[in-house]
Amino acid sequence: MNQVRRAWIWLSRVGHCMGFGIQSPTDYRFVRSVVNERWPYYAYESLGTQDDWQKRKLGKLYFRIANYLQPKHIIDMVEAKKYLLAACPKASIPQKNTTLGEHTKIELAIVPIQSEYQQLFSWCDEKSVVVFENIYQQAELWHCIQHDPRTTVTFDLYYCGIVFFDRSRSPHNYIVNF
């Protein structure tokens, strides 16, 4: 993606910087301390030095999300395993083409937007978090995901979307300048 397009995306979302407009303290804290955290983490130096800027930026985000959640089981379908294991070294991450059983419970899943979200959501509970990559490649599908009755809070970061299923939170769809 060229720098002019990146600048245009950032400028079009400038009103959504650093959690502005988020009224929920839980959601605001998530945006400030996980999504838009600017302090360097302990593993940043060694992670993704060969990756392009977008893969590294998203990889650091996945690292922070995994560090925040500390899940025991992670589904990684976007090849971010090195970032996820740096944050949760004891987490189990099955191979990309492994089939999941019907009794699988998702704690953290990072998947492309083309994934079959209906089946994925059937494995989610109130503690699950699902991250969809490249949500604007299929904007209509992202819109369906946002308005699915099982989702409660979604964060649109343009490059990816984060979905929470916690019924104790008020439903909301946030746009965040990431």
C-alpha atoms as a PDB file:
ATOM      1  CA  MET A   1       0.000   0.000   0.000  1.00  0.00           C
ATOM      2  CA  ASN A   2       1.492   3.322  -0.936  1.00  0.00           C
ATOM      3  CA  GLN A   3       2.075   6.128   1.513  1.00  0.00           C
ATOM      4  CA  VAL A   4      -0.559   8.423  -0.010  1.00  0.00           C
ATOM      5  CA  ARG A   5      -3.274   5.798   0.549  1.00  0.00           C
ATOM      6  CA  ARG A   6      -2.078   5.169   4.123  1.00  0.00           C
ATOM      7  CA  ALA A   7      -2.167   8.894   4.812  1.00  0.00           C
ATOM      8  CA  TRP A   8      -5.682   9.140   3.337  1.00  0.00           C
ATOM      9  CA  ILE A   9      -6.911   6.285   5.556  1.00  0.00           C
ATOM     10  CA  TRP A  10      -5.351   7.898   8.626  1.00  0.00           C
ATOM     11  CA  LEU A  11      -6.796  11.356   7.831  1.00  0.00           C
ATOM     12  CA  SER A  12     -10.273   9.962   7.152  1.00  0.00           C
ATOM     13  CA  ARG A  13     -10.228   8.373  10.634  1.00  0.00           C
ATOM     14  CA  VAL A  14      -8.524  11.191  12.539  1.00  0.00           C
ATOM     15  CA  GLY A  15     -11.689  11.848  14.562  1.00  0.00           C
ATOM     16  CA  HIS A  16     -11.391   8.345  16.014  1.00  0.00           C
ATOM     17  CA  CYS A  17      -7.861   8.641  17.422  1.00  0.00           C
ATOM     18  CA  MET A  18      -6.811   7.228  20.791  1.00  0.00           C
ATOM     19  CA  GLY A  19     -10.295   6.262  21.933  1.00  0.00           C
ATOM     20  CA  PHE A  20     -12.062   9.585  21.348  1.00  0.00           C
ATOM     21  CA  GLY A  21     -15.812   9.083  21.576  1.00  0.00           C
ATOM     22  CA  ILE A  22     -15.689   5.759  23.398  1.00  0.00           C
ATOM     23  CA  GLN A  23     -17.896   6.004  26.469  1.00  0.00           C
ATOM     24  CA  SER A  24     -17.372   2.516  27.916  1.00  0.00           C
ATOM     25  CA  PRO A  25     -14.428   2.428  30.357  1.00  0.00           C
ATOM     26  CA  THR A  26     -13.630  -1.184  29.416  1.00  0.00           C
ATOM     27  CA  ASP A  27     -13.606  -0.459  25.684  1.00  0.00           C
ATOM     28  CA  TYR A  28     -11.656   2.772  26.166  1.00  0.00           C
ATOM     29  CA  ARG A  29      -9.019   0.956  28.235  1.00  0.00           C
ATOM     30  CA  PHE A  30      -8.740  -1.760  25.556  1.00  0.00           C
ATOM     31  CA  VAL A  31      -8.203   0.834  22.816  1.00  0.00           C
ATOM     32  CA  ARG A  32      -5.700   2.878  24.827  1.00  0.00           C
ATOM     33  CA  SER A  33      -3.677   0.090  26.435  1.00  0.00           C
ATOM     34  CA  VAL A  34      -3.816  -2.610  23.749  1.00  0.00           C
ATOM     35  CA  VAL A  35      -4.755  -1.288  20.314  1.00  0.00           C
ATOM     36  CA  ASN A  36      -2.958   2.065  20.387  1.00  0.00           C
ATOM     37  CA  GLU A  37      -0.201   1.281  22.895  1.00  0.00           C
ATOM     38  CA  ARG A  38       2.953   3.139  21.851  1.00  0.00           C
ATOM     39  CA  TRP A  39       5.428   1.932  24.471  1.00  0.00           C
ATOM     40  CA  PRO A  40       7.854  -0.731  23.245  1.00  0.00           C
ATOM     41  CA  TYR A  41       7.261  -4.238  24.527  1.00  0.00           C
ATOM     42  CA  TYR A  42      10.021  -6.636  25.535  1.00  0.00           C
ATOM     43  CA  ALA A  43       9.867  -8.704  22.318  1.00  0.00           C
ATOM     44  CA  TYR A  44       9.506  -5.980  19.680  1.00  0.00           C
ATOM     45  CA  GLU A  45      13.219  -5.861  18.851  1.00  0.00           C
ATOM     46  CA  SER A  46      13.389  -9.476  17.728  1.00  0.00           C
ATOM     47  CA  LEU A  47       9.973  -9.833  16.083  1.00  0.00           C
ATOM     48  CA  GLY A  48       9.210  -9.396  12.400  1.00  0.00           C
ATOM     49  CA  THR A  49      12.385  -7.664  11.331  1.00  0.00           C
ATOM     50  CA  GLN A  50      11.961  -9.171   7.841  1.00  0.00           C
ATOM     51  CA  ASP A  51       8.216  -8.432   7.556  1.00  0.00           C
ATOM     52  CA  ASP A  52       6.714  -5.561   5.560  1.00  0.00           C
ATOM     53  CA  TRP A  53       5.258  -2.606   7.496  1.00  0.00           C
ATOM     54  CA  GLN A  54       1.638  -3.863   7.533  1.00  0.00           C
ATOM     55  CA  LYS A  55       2.446  -7.414   8.627  1.00  0.00           C
ATOM     56  CA  ARG A  56       4.740  -6.053  11.359  1.00  0.00           C
ATOM     57  CA  LYS A  57       2.129  -3.514  12.527  1.00  0.00           C
ATOM     58  CA  LEU A  58      -0.581  -6.188  12.698  1.00  0.00           C
ATOM     59  CA  GLY A  59       1.843  -8.673  14.260  1.00  0.00           C
ATOM     60  CA  LYS A  60       2.606  -6.228  17.070  1.00  0.00           C
ATOM     61  CA  LEU A  61      -1.142  -5.740  17.572  1.00  0.00           C
ATOM     62  CA  TYR A  62      -1.671  -9.516  17.776  1.00  0.00           C
ATOM     63  CA  PHE A  63       1.204  -9.698  20.246  1.00  0.00           C
ATOM     64  CA  ARG A  64      -0.456  -7.059  22.462  1.00  0.00           C
ATOM     65  CA  ILE A  65      -3.877  -8.752  22.225  1.00  0.00           C
ATOM     66  CA  ALA A  66      -2.405 -12.135  23.145  1.00  0.00           C
ATOM     67  CA  ASN A  67      -0.412 -10.520  25.955  1.00  0.00           C
ATOM     68  CA  TYR A  68      -3.603  -8.852  27.240  1.00  0.00           C
ATOM     69  CA  LEU A  69      -5.790 -12.001  27.053  1.00  0.00           C
ATOM     70  CA  GLN A  70      -3.178 -14.673  27.891  1.00  0.00           C
ATOM     71  CA  PRO A  71      -5.155 -17.426  26.112  1.00  0.00           C
ATOM     72  CA  LYS A  72      -4.224 -21.092  26.430  1.00  0.00           C
ATOM     73  CA  HIS A  73      -5.423 -21.940  22.907  1.00  0.00           C
ATOM     74  CA  ILE A  74      -5.018 -19.719  19.851  1.00  0.00           C
ATOM     75  CA  ILE A  75      -6.239 -20.269  16.303  1.00  0.00           C
ATOM     76  CA  ASP A  76      -3.859 -18.615  13.852  1.00  0.00           C
ATOM     77  CA  MET A  77      -4.850 -18.681  10.181  1.00  0.00           C
ATOM     78  CA  VAL A  78      -2.787 -15.647   9.111  1.00  0.00           C
ATOM     79  CA  GLU A  79       0.698 -16.931  10.016  1.00  0.00           C
ATOM     80  CA  ALA A  80       1.326 -14.683  13.019  1.00  0.00           C
ATOM     81  CA  LYS A  81       2.566 -17.547  15.188  1.00  0.00           C
ATOM     82  CA  LYS A  82       5.902 -15.941  16.086  1.00  0.00           C
ATOM     83  CA  TYR A  83       4.157 -12.837  17.456  1.00  0.00           C
ATOM     84  CA  LEU A  84       1.585 -14.871  19.379  1.00  0.00           C
ATOM     85  CA  LEU A  85       4.100 -17.271  20.915  1.00  0.00           C
ATOM     86  CA  ALA A  86       6.289 -14.350  21.999  1.00  0.00           C
ATOM     87  CA  ALA A  87       3.349 -13.069  24.066  1.00  0.00           C
ATOM     88  CA  CYS A  88       2.083 -16.498  25.243  1.00  0.00           C
ATOM     89  CA  PRO A  89       4.895 -19.058  25.059  1.00  0.00           C
ATOM     90  CA  LYS A  90       2.749 -21.773  26.690  1.00  0.00           C
ATOM     91  CA  ALA A  91      -0.228 -21.296  24.367  1.00  0.00           C
ATOM     92  CA  SER A  92      -1.101 -24.088  21.975  1.00  0.00           C
ATOM     93  CA  ILE A  93      -1.490 -23.069  18.349  1.00  0.00           C
ATOM     94  CA  PRO A  94      -2.666 -25.896  16.052  1.00  0.00           C
ATOM     95  CA  GLN A  95      -1.391 -26.130  12.487  1.00  0.00           C
ATOM     96  CA  LYS A  96      -3.194 -23.948   9.956  1.00  0.00           C
ATOM     97  CA  ASN A  97      -4.924 -26.850   8.188  1.00  0.00           C
ATOM     98  CA  THR A  98      -5.918 -28.734  11.356  1.00  0.00           C
ATOM     99  CA  THR A  99      -9.637 -29.402  11.595  1.00  0.00           C
ATOM    100  CA  LEU A 100     -11.250 -28.258  14.799  1.00  0.00           C
ATOM    101  CA  GLY A 101     -13.592 -30.485  16.742  1.00  0.00           C
ATOM    102  CA  GLU A 102     -17.185 -29.589  17.514  1.00  0.00           C
ATOM    103  CA  HIS A 103     -16.331 -29.186  21.214  1.00  0.00           C
ATOM    104  CA  THR A 104     -13.637 -26.607  20.484  1.00  0.00           C
ATOM    105  CA  LYS A 105     -13.896 -23.386  22.462  1.00  0.00           C
ATOM    106  CA  ILE A 106     -12.099 -20.398  21.004  1.00  0.00           C
ATOM    107  CA  GLU A 107     -10.186 -18.055  23.296  1.00  0.00           C
ATOM    108  CA  LEU A 108      -8.374 -16.092  20.578  1.00  0.00           C
ATOM    109  CA  ALA A 109      -8.658 -16.580  16.820  1.00  0.00           C
ATOM    110  CA  ILE A 110      -6.943 -14.582  14.116  1.00  0.00           C
ATOM    111  CA  VAL A 111      -8.440 -15.386  10.738  1.00  0.00           C
ATOM    112  CA  PRO A 112      -8.841 -13.854   7.274  1.00  0.00           C
ATOM    113  CA  ILE A 113     -12.171 -12.197   6.524  1.00  0.00           C
ATOM    114  CA  GLN A 114     -12.968 -14.984   4.030  1.00  0.00           C
ATOM    115  CA  SER A 115     -13.306 -17.507   6.887  1.00  0.00           C
ATOM    116  CA  GLU A 116     -16.645 -19.144   7.555  1.00  0.00           C
ATOM    117  CA  TYR A 117     -17.634 -16.932  10.456  1.00  0.00           C
ATOM    118  CA  GLN A 118     -20.932 -18.717  11.224  1.00  0.00           C
ATOM    119  CA  GLN A 119     -19.146 -21.927  12.193  1.00  0.00           C
ATOM    120  CA  LEU A 120     -16.355 -19.992  13.914  1.00  0.00           C
ATOM    121  CA  PHE A 121     -18.885 -18.094  16.053  1.00  0.00           C
ATOM    122  CA  SER A 122     -20.556 -21.350  17.105  1.00  0.00           C
ATOM    123  CA  TRP A 123     -17.289 -22.224  18.911  1.00  0.00           C
ATOM    124  CA  CYS A 124     -17.132 -18.862  20.711  1.00  0.00           C
ATOM    125  CA  ASP A 125     -18.265 -18.060  24.232  1.00  0.00           C
ATOM    126  CA  GLU A 126     -18.347 -14.844  26.284  1.00  0.00           C
ATOM    127  CA  LYS A 127     -14.547 -14.882  26.760  1.00  0.00           C
ATOM    128  CA  SER A 128     -13.726 -15.353  23.076  1.00  0.00           C
ATOM    129  CA  VAL A 129     -12.045 -12.772  20.876  1.00  0.00           C
ATOM    130  CA  VAL A 130     -11.874 -13.121  17.091  1.00  0.00           C
ATOM    131  CA  VAL A 131      -9.726 -10.910  14.869  1.00  0.00           C
ATOM    132  CA  PHE A 132     -10.554 -10.716  11.152  1.00  0.00           C
ATOM    133  CA  GLU A 133      -7.845  -9.500   8.779  1.00  0.00           C
ATOM    134  CA  ASN A 134      -8.423  -7.320   5.687  1.00  0.00           C
ATOM    135  CA  ILE A 135     -12.012  -6.471   6.560  1.00  0.00           C
ATOM    136  CA  TYR A 136     -12.408  -3.974   3.727  1.00  0.00           C
ATOM    137  CA  GLN A 137     -11.657  -6.587   1.072  1.00  0.00           C
ATOM    138  CA  GLN A 138     -15.189  -7.818   1.816  1.00  0.00           C
ATOM    139  CA  ALA A 139     -16.918  -4.882   3.500  1.00  0.00           C
ATOM    140  CA  GLU A 140     -20.396  -6.442   3.215  1.00  0.00           C
ATOM    141  CA  LEU A 141     -19.231  -9.525   5.079  1.00  0.00           C
ATOM    142  CA  TRP A 142     -17.666  -7.351   7.801  1.00  0.00           C
ATOM    143  CA  HIS A 143     -20.993  -5.513   8.105  1.00  0.00           C
ATOM    144  CA  CYS A 144     -22.789  -8.867   8.573  1.00  0.00           C
ATOM    145  CA  ILE A 145     -20.251  -9.858  11.247  1.00  0.00           C
ATOM    146  CA  GLN A 146     -20.751  -6.569  13.088  1.00  0.00           C
ATOM    147  CA  HIS A 147     -24.516  -7.037  13.161  1.00  0.00           C
ATOM    148  CA  ASP A 148     -24.533 -10.736  14.014  1.00  0.00           C
ATOM    149  CA  PRO A 149     -26.649 -11.224  17.173  1.00  0.00           C
ATOM    150  CA  ARG A 150     -23.815 -13.164  18.861  1.00  0.00           C
ATOM    151  CA  THR A 151     -21.344 -10.273  18.718  1.00  0.00           C
ATOM    152  CA  THR A 152     -21.417  -7.511  21.284  1.00  0.00           C
ATOM    153  CA  VAL A 153     -18.471  -5.181  20.694  1.00  0.00           C
ATOM    154  CA  THR A 154     -16.533  -4.766  17.453  1.00  0.00           C
ATOM    155  CA  PHE A 155     -13.536  -2.588  16.677  1.00  0.00           C
ATOM    156  CA  ASP A 156     -12.965  -1.557  13.060  1.00  0.00           C
ATOM    157  CA  LEU A 157      -9.233  -0.806  12.686  1.00  0.00           C
ATOM    158  CA  TYR A 158      -9.431  -0.723   8.857  1.00  0.00           C
ATOM    159  CA  TYR A 159      -6.649  -3.313   8.443  1.00  0.00           C
ATOM    160  CA  CYS A 160      -8.436  -5.738  10.758  1.00  0.00           C
ATOM    161  CA  GLY A 161     -11.562  -6.035  12.882  1.00  0.00           C
ATOM    162  CA  ILE A 162     -11.749  -7.265  16.474  1.00  0.00           C
ATOM    163  CA  VAL A 163     -14.912  -8.992  17.723  1.00  0.00           C
ATOM    164  CA  PHE A 164     -15.911  -9.580  21.367  1.00  0.00           C
ATOM    165  CA  PHE A 165     -18.786 -11.797  22.535  1.00  0.00           C
ATOM    166  CA  ASP A 166     -19.113 -10.748  26.191  1.00  0.00           C
ATOM    167  CA  ARG A 167     -22.857 -10.344  26.941  1.00  0.00           C
ATOM    168  CA  SER A 168     -22.131  -8.204  30.021  1.00  0.00           C
ATOM    169  CA  ARG A 169     -20.955  -5.386  27.727  1.00  0.00           C
ATOM    170  CA  SER A 170     -23.232  -3.037  25.828  1.00  0.00           C
ATOM    171  CA  PRO A 171     -23.328  -3.741  22.091  1.00  0.00           C
ATOM    172  CA  HIS A 172     -21.356  -1.248  20.059  1.00  0.00           C
ATOM    173  CA  ASN A 173     -19.402  -0.979  16.802  1.00  0.00           C
ATOM    174  CA  TYR A 174     -16.360   1.290  17.110  1.00  0.00           C
ATOM    175  CA  ILE A 175     -14.166   2.797  14.431  1.00  0.00           C
ATOM    176  CA  VAL A 176     -10.600   3.255  15.656  1.00  0.00           C
ATOM    177  CA  ASN A 177      -7.771   5.092  13.921  1.00  0.00           C
ATOM    178  CA  PHE A 178      -5.001   2.508  14.128  1.00  0.00           C
END
